[in-house]
Amino acid sequence: MKIHYNSPVILTFSLIAFAVMIISSLTAGTSTTALFTAWPSGLLNPLSYVRMFSHVLGHVSWEHLFGNLTLILLIGPLLEEKYGSSTMLMMIVITALITGIIAIFFTNTGLLGASGIVFMLILLSSFANIKSGHIPLTFIIIVALFLGKEFVASFKPDAVSQFAHILGGLCGSFFGFFHIDHKKKEKKS
């Protein structure tokens, strides 16, 4: 039996996040603060443009990284197989960009971690067996459980960025609905 790199986008994302954490450990977190945290820094700071995307690769601790990677590696390969590698990459990039823009321009704290990507994957997974004209009950339950919990938690003072979780979930929902509509349009042509 051969080992197969079965999910190139998800595996590469995970390996890069792991490498970023190693570098962060070696630099006592300064590399993560400088390059992998979306700070409210505005358009004049050239690193803002990098951080809009790179913040999903930085993590506060090994526990934070492993928590995110566990879910990403559990859900991601199935979704990458269903939607394709290029589509999965696009979904990750768009989700990172949206959460990064909000962090840089509309918050007063830094944002780092792949939690937005995790929530995007969780909500997107509820569309795995959707049929045209139907909303999956699993989607409704996941929205109520995950996003409802994050909305309630957003009123508590803590270091968790619930807005990134909520935006990630909204991105996953949008991607799920858009993909179905896109498939219907392709079949009609």
N, C-alpha and C. Protein backbone atom coordinates (compact mmCIF):
# COMPACT_ATOMS: atom_id res chain seq x y z
N MET A 1 0.83 -1.17 0.00
CA MET A 1 0.00 0.00 0.00
C MET A 1 0.88 1.25 0.00
N LYS A 2 0.42 2.26 -0.75
CA LYS A 2 1.14 3.53 -0.83
C LYS A 2 0.37 4.60 -0.08
N ILE A 3 1.11 5.54 0.49
CA ILE A 3 0.48 6.70 1.11
C ILE A 3 0.11 7.67 0.00
N HIS A 4 -1.11 8.13 0.02
CA HIS A 4 -1.64 9.00 -1.03
C HIS A 4 -1.92 10.38 -0.45
N TYR A 5 -1.42 11.41 -1.08
CA TYR A 5 -1.68 12.81 -0.68
C TYR A 5 -3.08 13.15 -1.19
N ASN A 6 -4.08 12.62 -0.51
CA ASN A 6 -5.45 12.57 -1.01
C ASN A 6 -6.19 13.89 -1.03
N SER A 7 -5.76 14.86 -0.28
CA SER A 7 -6.47 16.12 -0.18
C SER A 7 -5.45 17.26 -0.21
N PRO A 8 -4.96 17.61 -1.39
CA PRO A 8 -3.82 18.53 -1.46
C PRO A 8 -4.04 19.89 -0.81
N VAL A 9 -5.21 20.46 -0.95
CA VAL A 9 -5.43 21.79 -0.36
C VAL A 9 -5.50 21.70 1.15
N ILE A 10 -6.29 20.79 1.67
CA ILE A 10 -6.45 20.65 3.12
C ILE A 10 -5.14 20.22 3.77
N LEU A 11 -4.45 19.25 3.19
CA LEU A 11 -3.18 18.79 3.76
C LEU A 11 -2.11 19.88 3.69
N THR A 12 -2.02 20.59 2.58
CA THR A 12 -1.03 21.67 2.45
C THR A 12 -1.33 22.79 3.43
N PHE A 13 -2.60 23.19 3.54
CA PHE A 13 -3.00 24.20 4.51
C PHE A 13 -2.57 23.76 5.92
N SER A 14 -2.85 22.52 6.27
CA SER A 14 -2.52 22.00 7.61
C SER A 14 -1.02 21.98 7.85
N LEU A 15 -0.26 21.55 6.85
CA LEU A 15 1.20 21.51 6.99
C LEU A 15 1.79 22.90 7.12
N ILE A 16 1.27 23.86 6.38
CA ILE A 16 1.76 25.25 6.48
C ILE A 16 1.43 25.81 7.87
N ALA A 17 0.22 25.58 8.35
CA ALA A 17 -0.16 26.05 9.69
C ALA A 17 0.74 25.42 10.76
N PHE A 18 1.07 24.14 10.58
CA PHE A 18 1.97 23.45 11.51
C PHE A 18 3.37 24.08 11.46
N ALA A 19 3.86 24.37 10.25
CA ALA A 19 5.18 25.01 10.10
C ALA A 19 5.19 26.41 10.71
N VAL A 20 4.11 27.14 10.52
CA VAL A 20 4.00 28.48 11.12
C VAL A 20 4.08 28.39 12.64
N MET A 21 3.45 27.37 13.22
CA MET A 21 3.49 27.20 14.67
C MET A 21 4.89 26.84 15.14
N ILE A 22 5.61 26.04 14.38
CA ILE A 22 7.00 25.72 14.74
C ILE A 22 7.84 27.00 14.72
N ILE A 23 7.69 27.79 13.66
CA ILE A 23 8.44 29.05 13.56
C ILE A 23 8.04 29.99 14.70
N SER A 24 6.76 30.02 15.01
CA SER A 24 6.30 30.85 16.12
C SER A 24 6.94 30.43 17.44
N SER A 25 7.04 29.13 17.65
CA SER A 25 7.68 28.62 18.87
C SER A 25 9.15 29.02 18.93
N LEU A 26 9.83 28.98 17.78
CA LEU A 26 11.25 29.33 17.72
C LEU A 26 11.50 30.82 17.89
N THR A 27 10.49 31.65 17.55
CA THR A 27 10.64 33.11 17.62
C THR A 27 9.87 33.70 18.81
N ALA A 28 9.46 32.86 19.75
CA ALA A 28 8.69 33.30 20.93
C ALA A 28 7.44 34.09 20.52
N GLY A 29 6.84 33.69 19.41
CA GLY A 29 5.58 34.29 18.97
C GLY A 29 5.69 35.55 18.16
N THR A 30 6.89 36.09 17.99
CA THR A 30 7.02 37.35 17.25
C THR A 30 6.67 37.20 15.77
N SER A 31 6.99 36.07 15.19
CA SER A 31 6.63 35.87 13.77
C SER A 31 5.12 35.82 13.60
N THR A 32 4.43 35.19 14.53
CA THR A 32 2.96 35.12 14.45
C THR A 32 2.36 36.49 14.64
N THR A 33 2.87 37.25 15.58
CA THR A 33 2.37 38.61 15.81
C THR A 33 2.60 39.49 14.59
N ALA A 34 3.75 39.36 13.97
CA ALA A 34 4.10 40.23 12.85
C ALA A 34 3.42 39.84 11.54
N LEU A 35 3.32 38.54 11.28
CA LEU A 35 2.88 38.10 9.95
C LEU A 35 1.56 37.33 9.91
N PHE A 36 1.15 36.75 11.04
CA PHE A 36 0.01 35.83 11.00
C PHE A 36 -1.10 36.23 11.97
N THR A 37 -1.20 37.53 12.23
CA THR A 37 -2.29 38.07 13.04
C THR A 37 -2.84 39.28 12.31
N ALA A 38 -4.14 39.30 12.08
CA ALA A 38 -4.79 40.44 11.42
C ALA A 38 -5.05 41.50 12.47
N TRP A 39 -4.20 42.52 12.47
CA TRP A 39 -4.32 43.63 13.42
C TRP A 39 -5.11 44.77 12.78
N PRO A 40 -5.79 45.57 13.59
CA PRO A 40 -6.46 46.76 13.04
C PRO A 40 -5.39 47.79 12.64
N SER A 41 -4.94 47.72 11.40
CA SER A 41 -3.80 48.53 10.97
C SER A 41 -4.09 49.40 9.75
N GLY A 42 -5.22 49.25 9.12
CA GLY A 42 -5.58 50.11 7.99
C GLY A 42 -4.85 49.79 6.70
N LEU A 43 -5.17 50.56 5.69
CA LEU A 43 -4.63 50.32 4.35
C LEU A 43 -3.20 50.81 4.15
N LEU A 44 -2.71 51.70 4.99
CA LEU A 44 -1.38 52.26 4.79
C LEU A 44 -0.27 51.29 5.19
N ASN A 45 -0.59 50.32 6.00
CA ASN A 45 0.40 49.33 6.41
C ASN A 45 0.43 48.22 5.36
N PRO A 46 1.56 48.06 4.65
CA PRO A 46 1.62 47.02 3.60
C PRO A 46 1.38 45.60 4.11
N LEU A 47 1.73 45.33 5.37
CA LEU A 47 1.52 43.99 5.92
C LEU A 47 0.03 43.68 6.13
N SER A 48 -0.80 44.72 6.15
CA SER A 48 -2.25 44.48 6.28
C SER A 48 -2.75 43.59 5.16
N TYR A 49 -2.22 43.77 3.97
CA TYR A 49 -2.66 43.00 2.81
C TYR A 49 -2.25 41.53 2.92
N VAL A 50 -1.10 41.28 3.50
CA VAL A 50 -0.65 39.91 3.73
C VAL A 50 -1.48 39.28 4.84
N ARG A 51 -1.66 40.03 5.92
CA ARG A 51 -2.37 39.51 7.10
C ARG A 51 -3.85 39.23 6.84
N MET A 52 -4.42 39.91 5.84
CA MET A 52 -5.83 39.64 5.49
C MET A 52 -6.03 38.16 5.17
N PHE A 53 -4.99 37.53 4.65
CA PHE A 53 -5.06 36.12 4.28
C PHE A 53 -4.30 35.23 5.26
N SER A 54 -3.14 35.68 5.72
CA SER A 54 -2.24 34.81 6.49
C SER A 54 -2.70 34.56 7.93
N HIS A 55 -3.62 35.35 8.45
CA HIS A 55 -4.03 35.18 9.85
C HIS A 55 -4.62 33.80 10.13
N VAL A 56 -5.13 33.12 9.10
CA VAL A 56 -5.72 31.78 9.32
C VAL A 56 -4.63 30.73 9.57
N LEU A 57 -3.38 31.06 9.33
CA LEU A 57 -2.29 30.12 9.52
C LEU A 57 -1.64 30.24 10.90
N GLY A 58 -1.83 31.37 11.56
CA GLY A 58 -1.24 31.59 12.88
C GLY A 58 -2.16 31.11 13.99
N HIS A 59 -1.57 30.64 15.08
CA HIS A 59 -2.35 30.16 16.22
C HIS A 59 -1.66 30.58 17.51
N VAL A 60 -2.44 30.76 18.55
CA VAL A 60 -1.94 31.21 19.85
C VAL A 60 -1.10 30.13 20.52
N SER A 61 -1.49 28.87 20.37
CA SER A 61 -0.82 27.77 21.07
C SER A 61 -0.96 26.49 20.25
N TRP A 62 -0.24 25.48 20.68
CA TRP A 62 -0.34 24.17 20.04
C TRP A 62 -1.75 23.61 20.21
N GLU A 63 -2.36 23.83 21.37
CA GLU A 63 -3.73 23.35 21.60
C GLU A 63 -4.71 24.00 20.63
N HIS A 64 -4.54 25.30 20.43
CA HIS A 64 -5.38 26.04 19.49
C HIS A 64 -5.22 25.46 18.08
N LEU A 65 -3.98 25.25 17.68
CA LEU A 65 -3.70 24.67 16.35
C LEU A 65 -4.29 23.27 16.22
N PHE A 66 -4.03 22.41 17.19
CA PHE A 66 -4.51 21.02 17.10
C PHE A 66 -6.03 20.95 17.13
N GLY A 67 -6.66 21.82 17.89
CA GLY A 67 -8.12 21.85 17.90
C GLY A 67 -8.69 22.17 16.53
N ASN A 68 -8.10 23.18 15.88
CA ASN A 68 -8.56 23.54 14.54
C ASN A 68 -8.21 22.47 13.51
N LEU A 69 -6.98 21.97 13.56
CA LEU A 69 -6.56 20.97 12.57
C LEU A 69 -7.33 19.66 12.69
N THR A 70 -7.73 19.31 13.89
CA THR A 70 -8.52 18.09 14.06
C THR A 70 -9.79 18.16 13.23
N LEU A 71 -10.50 19.27 13.33
CA LEU A 71 -11.74 19.42 12.57
C LEU A 71 -11.48 19.62 11.08
N ILE A 72 -10.45 20.39 10.75
CA ILE A 72 -10.12 20.62 9.34
C ILE A 72 -9.76 19.31 8.66
N LEU A 73 -8.94 18.49 9.31
CA LEU A 73 -8.53 17.22 8.70
C LEU A 73 -9.62 16.16 8.72
N LEU A 74 -10.60 16.33 9.61
CA LEU A 74 -11.73 15.41 9.66
C LEU A 74 -12.75 15.72 8.57
N ILE A 75 -13.09 16.98 8.41
CA ILE A 75 -14.15 17.39 7.49
C ILE A 75 -13.61 17.76 6.11
N GLY A 76 -12.47 18.43 6.09
CA GLY A 76 -11.93 19.00 4.86
C GLY A 76 -11.73 18.04 3.70
N PRO A 77 -11.09 16.88 3.90
CA PRO A 77 -10.85 15.98 2.77
C PRO A 77 -12.14 15.52 2.08
N LEU A 78 -13.18 15.27 2.85
CA LEU A 78 -14.46 14.86 2.25
C LEU A 78 -15.04 15.99 1.38
N LEU A 79 -14.93 17.21 1.88
CA LEU A 79 -15.45 18.34 1.12
C LEU A 79 -14.58 18.66 -0.09
N GLU A 80 -13.27 18.50 0.07
CA GLU A 80 -12.38 18.72 -1.07
C GLU A 80 -12.65 17.71 -2.17
N GLU A 81 -12.95 16.48 -1.79
CA GLU A 81 -13.30 15.47 -2.78
C GLU A 81 -14.61 15.83 -3.49
N LYS A 82 -15.57 16.33 -2.73
CA LYS A 82 -16.88 16.67 -3.30
C LYS A 82 -16.81 17.91 -4.21
N TYR A 83 -16.14 18.97 -3.74
CA TYR A 83 -16.15 20.24 -4.45
C TYR A 83 -14.94 20.44 -5.36
N GLY A 84 -13.88 19.69 -5.14
CA GLY A 84 -12.66 19.85 -5.93
C GLY A 84 -11.64 20.73 -5.22
N SER A 85 -10.38 20.53 -5.55
CA SER A 85 -9.30 21.24 -4.87
C SER A 85 -9.32 22.74 -5.16
N SER A 86 -9.52 23.13 -6.40
CA SER A 86 -9.50 24.56 -6.73
C SER A 86 -10.67 25.28 -6.05
N THR A 87 -11.83 24.67 -6.00
CA THR A 87 -12.98 25.28 -5.33
C THR A 87 -12.74 25.36 -3.83
N MET A 88 -12.16 24.32 -3.25
CA MET A 88 -11.86 24.33 -1.81
C MET A 88 -10.85 25.44 -1.50
N LEU A 89 -9.83 25.59 -2.32
CA LEU A 89 -8.85 26.66 -2.11
C LEU A 89 -9.53 28.02 -2.19
N MET A 90 -10.40 28.20 -3.17
CA MET A 90 -11.11 29.47 -3.32
C MET A 90 -11.96 29.75 -2.08
N MET A 91 -12.64 28.74 -1.54
CA MET A 91 -13.47 28.92 -0.36
C MET A 91 -12.63 29.32 0.85
N ILE A 92 -11.49 28.72 1.02
CA ILE A 92 -10.60 29.05 2.13
C ILE A 92 -10.09 30.48 1.99
N VAL A 93 -9.66 30.84 0.79
CA VAL A 93 -9.11 32.18 0.55
C VAL A 93 -10.19 33.25 0.78
N ILE A 94 -11.38 33.03 0.27
CA ILE A 94 -12.46 34.01 0.44
C ILE A 94 -12.83 34.15 1.91
N THR A 95 -12.94 33.04 2.62
CA THR A 95 -13.27 33.08 4.04
C THR A 95 -12.18 33.82 4.82
N ALA A 96 -10.91 33.53 4.52
CA ALA A 96 -9.80 34.23 5.18
C ALA A 96 -9.86 35.72 4.89
N LEU A 97 -10.12 36.08 3.64
CA LEU A 97 -10.18 37.49 3.26
C LEU A 97 -11.30 38.23 3.99
N ILE A 98 -12.47 37.65 4.02
CA ILE A 98 -13.61 38.31 4.67
C ILE A 98 -13.35 38.50 6.16
N THR A 99 -12.90 37.46 6.84
CA THR A 99 -12.63 37.60 8.27
C THR A 99 -11.45 38.53 8.52
N GLY A 100 -10.45 38.50 7.65
CA GLY A 100 -9.30 39.39 7.77
C GLY A 100 -9.67 40.85 7.59
N ILE A 101 -10.49 41.15 6.61
CA ILE A 101 -10.92 42.53 6.38
C ILE A 101 -11.69 43.06 7.59
N ILE A 102 -12.60 42.25 8.11
CA ILE A 102 -13.37 42.68 9.28
C ILE A 102 -12.43 42.95 10.46
N ALA A 103 -11.47 42.06 10.67
CA ALA A 103 -10.54 42.23 11.80
C ALA A 103 -9.69 43.49 11.64
N ILE A 104 -9.21 43.73 10.44
CA ILE A 104 -8.30 44.86 10.22
C ILE A 104 -9.04 46.20 10.27
N PHE A 105 -10.25 46.25 9.77
CA PHE A 105 -10.92 47.55 9.64
C PHE A 105 -12.03 47.80 10.66
N PHE A 106 -12.54 46.75 11.31
CA PHE A 106 -13.72 46.97 12.14
C PHE A 106 -13.61 46.46 13.58
N THR A 107 -12.43 46.02 13.99
CA THR A 107 -12.26 45.56 15.37
C THR A 107 -11.12 46.33 16.02
N ASN A 108 -10.95 46.14 17.30
CA ASN A 108 -9.83 46.79 17.99
C ASN A 108 -8.86 45.77 18.59
N THR A 109 -8.97 44.51 18.15
CA THR A 109 -8.06 43.46 18.61
C THR A 109 -7.55 42.67 17.40
N GLY A 110 -6.52 41.88 17.63
CA GLY A 110 -5.99 41.04 16.57
C GLY A 110 -6.79 39.76 16.40
N LEU A 111 -6.69 39.20 15.22
CA LEU A 111 -7.38 37.94 14.90
C LEU A 111 -6.37 36.97 14.32
N LEU A 112 -6.35 35.75 14.86
CA LEU A 112 -5.52 34.71 14.28
C LEU A 112 -6.16 33.36 14.54
N GLY A 113 -5.83 32.42 13.68
CA GLY A 113 -6.35 31.07 13.80
C GLY A 113 -7.28 30.70 12.67
N ALA A 114 -7.48 29.40 12.52
CA ALA A 114 -8.28 28.86 11.42
C ALA A 114 -9.72 28.56 11.84
N SER A 115 -10.19 29.15 12.93
CA SER A 115 -11.55 28.87 13.39
C SER A 115 -12.61 29.27 12.37
N GLY A 116 -12.40 30.37 11.67
CA GLY A 116 -13.34 30.77 10.63
C GLY A 116 -13.41 29.72 9.53
N ILE A 117 -12.26 29.14 9.18
CA ILE A 117 -12.20 28.08 8.17
C ILE A 117 -12.93 26.84 8.70
N VAL A 118 -12.73 26.52 9.98
CA VAL A 118 -13.40 25.37 10.59
C VAL A 118 -14.91 25.55 10.49
N PHE A 119 -15.42 26.71 10.87
CA PHE A 119 -16.86 26.94 10.83
C PHE A 119 -17.39 26.94 9.41
N MET A 120 -16.59 27.43 8.46
CA MET A 120 -16.99 27.36 7.05
C MET A 120 -17.15 25.91 6.63
N LEU A 121 -16.20 25.07 7.00
CA LEU A 121 -16.26 23.65 6.65
C LEU A 121 -17.44 22.95 7.33
N ILE A 122 -17.69 23.28 8.59
CA ILE A 122 -18.79 22.66 9.32
C ILE A 122 -20.12 22.96 8.64
N LEU A 123 -20.36 24.22 8.34
CA LEU A 123 -21.64 24.57 7.70
C LEU A 123 -21.72 24.04 6.29
N LEU A 124 -20.61 24.08 5.55
CA LEU A 124 -20.58 23.55 4.20
C LEU A 124 -20.86 22.05 4.19
N SER A 125 -20.40 21.34 5.23
CA SER A 125 -20.60 19.89 5.27
C SER A 125 -22.08 19.52 5.37
N SER A 126 -22.89 20.41 5.90
CA SER A 126 -24.32 20.10 6.02
C SER A 126 -25.01 20.11 4.65
N PHE A 127 -24.31 20.57 3.62
CA PHE A 127 -24.86 20.56 2.26
C PHE A 127 -24.39 19.36 1.45
N ALA A 128 -23.70 18.44 2.08
CA ALA A 128 -23.07 17.32 1.37
C ALA A 128 -24.05 16.50 0.53
N ASN A 129 -25.25 16.32 1.01
CA ASN A 129 -26.22 15.51 0.25
C ASN A 129 -27.51 16.29 -0.01
N ILE A 130 -27.36 17.55 -0.30
CA ILE A 130 -28.53 18.40 -0.54
C ILE A 130 -29.19 18.04 -1.87
N LYS A 131 -30.49 18.16 -1.91
CA LYS A 131 -31.26 17.96 -3.13
C LYS A 131 -31.86 19.29 -3.55
N SER A 132 -32.00 19.49 -4.82
CA SER A 132 -32.55 20.73 -5.36
C SER A 132 -33.92 21.03 -4.75
N GLY A 133 -34.08 22.29 -4.30
CA GLY A 133 -35.36 22.72 -3.76
C GLY A 133 -35.58 22.34 -2.31
N HIS A 134 -34.60 21.75 -1.65
CA HIS A 134 -34.74 21.33 -0.25
C HIS A 134 -33.64 21.96 0.59
N ILE A 135 -33.99 22.33 1.81
CA ILE A 135 -33.00 22.79 2.78
C ILE A 135 -32.79 21.64 3.76
N PRO A 136 -31.55 21.16 3.89
CA PRO A 136 -31.30 20.02 4.78
C PRO A 136 -31.59 20.37 6.24
N LEU A 137 -32.25 19.49 6.94
CA LEU A 137 -32.51 19.68 8.36
C LEU A 137 -31.19 19.76 9.12
N THR A 138 -30.18 19.02 8.66
CA THR A 138 -28.87 19.09 9.32
C THR A 138 -28.32 20.50 9.27
N PHE A 139 -28.54 21.21 8.17
CA PHE A 139 -28.09 22.60 8.05
C PHE A 139 -28.76 23.46 9.12
N ILE A 140 -30.06 23.32 9.29
CA ILE A 140 -30.81 24.12 10.26
C ILE A 140 -30.31 23.82 11.68
N ILE A 141 -30.09 22.55 11.97
CA ILE A 141 -29.62 22.17 13.30
C ILE A 141 -28.21 22.69 13.54
N ILE A 142 -27.34 22.57 12.54
CA ILE A 142 -25.96 23.06 12.69
C ILE A 142 -25.95 24.57 12.89
N VAL A 143 -26.76 25.28 12.12
CA VAL A 143 -26.84 26.74 12.29
C VAL A 143 -27.28 27.06 13.71
N ALA A 144 -28.32 26.39 14.17
CA ALA A 144 -28.83 26.66 15.51
C ALA A 144 -27.78 26.34 16.57
N LEU A 145 -27.10 25.21 16.44
CA LEU A 145 -26.13 24.80 17.45
C LEU A 145 -24.85 25.63 17.41
N PHE A 146 -24.21 25.65 16.28
CA PHE A 146 -22.90 26.29 16.19
C PHE A 146 -22.99 27.81 16.14
N LEU A 147 -23.74 28.34 15.21
CA LEU A 147 -23.81 29.79 15.10
C LEU A 147 -24.60 30.41 16.24
N GLY A 148 -25.65 29.73 16.69
CA GLY A 148 -26.40 30.23 17.83
C GLY A 148 -25.52 30.33 19.07
N LYS A 149 -24.72 29.31 19.31
CA LYS A 149 -23.79 29.31 20.44
C LYS A 149 -22.78 30.45 20.31
N GLU A 150 -22.27 30.68 19.11
CA GLU A 150 -21.30 31.76 18.91
C GLU A 150 -21.93 33.13 19.08
N PHE A 151 -23.17 33.28 18.63
CA PHE A 151 -23.86 34.56 18.79
C PHE A 151 -24.04 34.87 20.27
N VAL A 152 -24.48 33.90 21.04
CA VAL A 152 -24.67 34.09 22.48
C VAL A 152 -23.32 34.37 23.15
N ALA A 153 -22.29 33.62 22.76
CA ALA A 153 -20.95 33.80 23.35
C ALA A 153 -20.34 35.15 23.00
N SER A 154 -20.79 35.77 21.92
CA SER A 154 -20.21 37.06 21.50
C SER A 154 -20.49 38.16 22.52
N PHE A 155 -21.43 37.95 23.42
CA PHE A 155 -21.72 38.95 24.44
C PHE A 155 -20.87 38.77 25.70
N LYS A 156 -20.05 37.72 25.73
CA LYS A 156 -19.17 37.47 26.88
C LYS A 156 -17.79 38.05 26.58
N PRO A 157 -17.18 38.68 27.56
CA PRO A 157 -15.82 39.19 27.33
C PRO A 157 -14.80 38.05 27.42
N ASP A 158 -14.22 37.68 26.29
CA ASP A 158 -13.17 36.66 26.27
C ASP A 158 -12.26 36.93 25.08
N ALA A 159 -11.27 36.09 24.90
CA ALA A 159 -10.30 36.28 23.82
C ALA A 159 -10.68 35.53 22.55
N VAL A 160 -11.87 34.95 22.52
CA VAL A 160 -12.31 34.18 21.35
C VAL A 160 -13.02 35.13 20.39
N SER A 161 -12.72 35.01 19.13
CA SER A 161 -13.33 35.87 18.14
C SER A 161 -14.55 35.20 17.53
N GLN A 162 -15.68 35.39 18.17
CA GLN A 162 -16.91 34.77 17.68
C GLN A 162 -17.30 35.31 16.30
N PHE A 163 -16.95 36.58 16.01
CA PHE A 163 -17.33 37.11 14.71
C PHE A 163 -16.67 36.32 13.58
N ALA A 164 -15.45 35.82 13.80
CA ALA A 164 -14.78 35.01 12.77
C ALA A 164 -15.50 33.68 12.61
N HIS A 165 -15.96 33.11 13.71
CA HIS A 165 -16.71 31.85 13.65
C HIS A 165 -18.02 32.07 12.88
N ILE A 166 -18.72 33.14 13.23
CA ILE A 166 -20.00 33.43 12.59
C ILE A 166 -19.80 33.72 11.10
N LEU A 167 -18.81 34.55 10.77
CA LEU A 167 -18.55 34.85 9.35
C LEU A 167 -18.12 33.60 8.59
N GLY A 168 -17.30 32.76 9.21
CA GLY A 168 -16.90 31.51 8.56
C GLY A 168 -18.11 30.64 8.28
N GLY A 169 -19.00 30.53 9.26
CA GLY A 169 -20.23 29.76 9.07
C GLY A 169 -21.11 30.33 7.97
N LEU A 170 -21.20 31.67 7.93
CA LEU A 170 -21.99 32.31 6.86
C LEU A 170 -21.36 32.05 5.49
N CYS A 171 -20.04 32.08 5.43
CA CYS A 171 -19.35 31.77 4.16
C CYS A 171 -19.66 30.34 3.73
N GLY A 172 -19.56 29.39 4.66
CA GLY A 172 -19.86 28.00 4.34
C GLY A 172 -21.29 27.83 3.86
N SER A 173 -22.22 28.54 4.48
CA SER A 173 -23.63 28.49 4.06
C SER A 173 -23.78 29.05 2.66
N PHE A 174 -23.15 30.19 2.41
CA PHE A 174 -23.21 30.80 1.08
C PHE A 174 -22.62 29.87 0.03
N PHE A 175 -21.46 29.29 0.33
CA PHE A 175 -20.82 28.39 -0.64
C PHE A 175 -21.70 27.18 -0.92
N GLY A 176 -22.34 26.65 0.12
CA GLY A 176 -23.23 25.50 -0.05
C GLY A 176 -24.41 25.84 -0.94
N PHE A 177 -25.06 26.97 -0.68
CA PHE A 177 -26.20 27.38 -1.50
C PHE A 177 -25.76 27.74 -2.92
N PHE A 178 -24.64 28.47 -3.04
CA PHE A 178 -24.15 28.89 -4.36
C PHE A 178 -23.79 27.68 -5.22
N HIS A 179 -23.15 26.71 -4.62
CA HIS A 179 -22.72 25.54 -5.38
C HIS A 179 -23.93 24.78 -5.94
N ILE A 180 -24.99 24.68 -5.16
CA ILE A 180 -26.20 23.99 -5.62
C ILE A 180 -26.83 24.76 -6.77
N ASP A 181 -26.94 26.08 -6.61
CA ASP A 181 -27.52 26.90 -7.68
C ASP A 181 -26.66 26.82 -8.95
N HIS A 182 -25.34 26.82 -8.77
CA HIS A 182 -24.42 26.73 -9.90
C HIS A 182 -24.60 25.39 -10.63
N LYS A 183 -24.75 24.31 -9.87
CA LYS A 183 -24.95 22.99 -10.50
C LYS A 183 -26.27 22.95 -11.27
N LYS A 184 -27.33 23.56 -10.72
CA LYS A 184 -28.62 23.57 -11.41
C LYS A 184 -28.51 24.32 -12.74
N LYS A 185 -27.80 25.44 -12.74
CA LYS A 185 -27.64 26.23 -13.96
C LYS A 185 -26.86 25.45 -15.01
N GLU A 186 -25.82 24.71 -14.57
CA GLU A 186 -25.04 23.89 -15.51
C GLU A 186 -25.89 22.81 -16.16
N LYS A 187 -26.78 22.18 -15.39
CA LYS A 187 -27.61 21.10 -15.93
C LYS A 187 -28.61 21.63 -16.95
N LYS A 188 -29.10 22.87 -16.77
CA LYS A 188 -30.08 23.44 -17.70
C LYS A 188 -29.45 23.83 -19.03
N SER A 189 -28.14 24.16 -19.02
CA SER A 189 -27.51 24.59 -20.27
C SER A 189 -27.15 23.45 -21.18
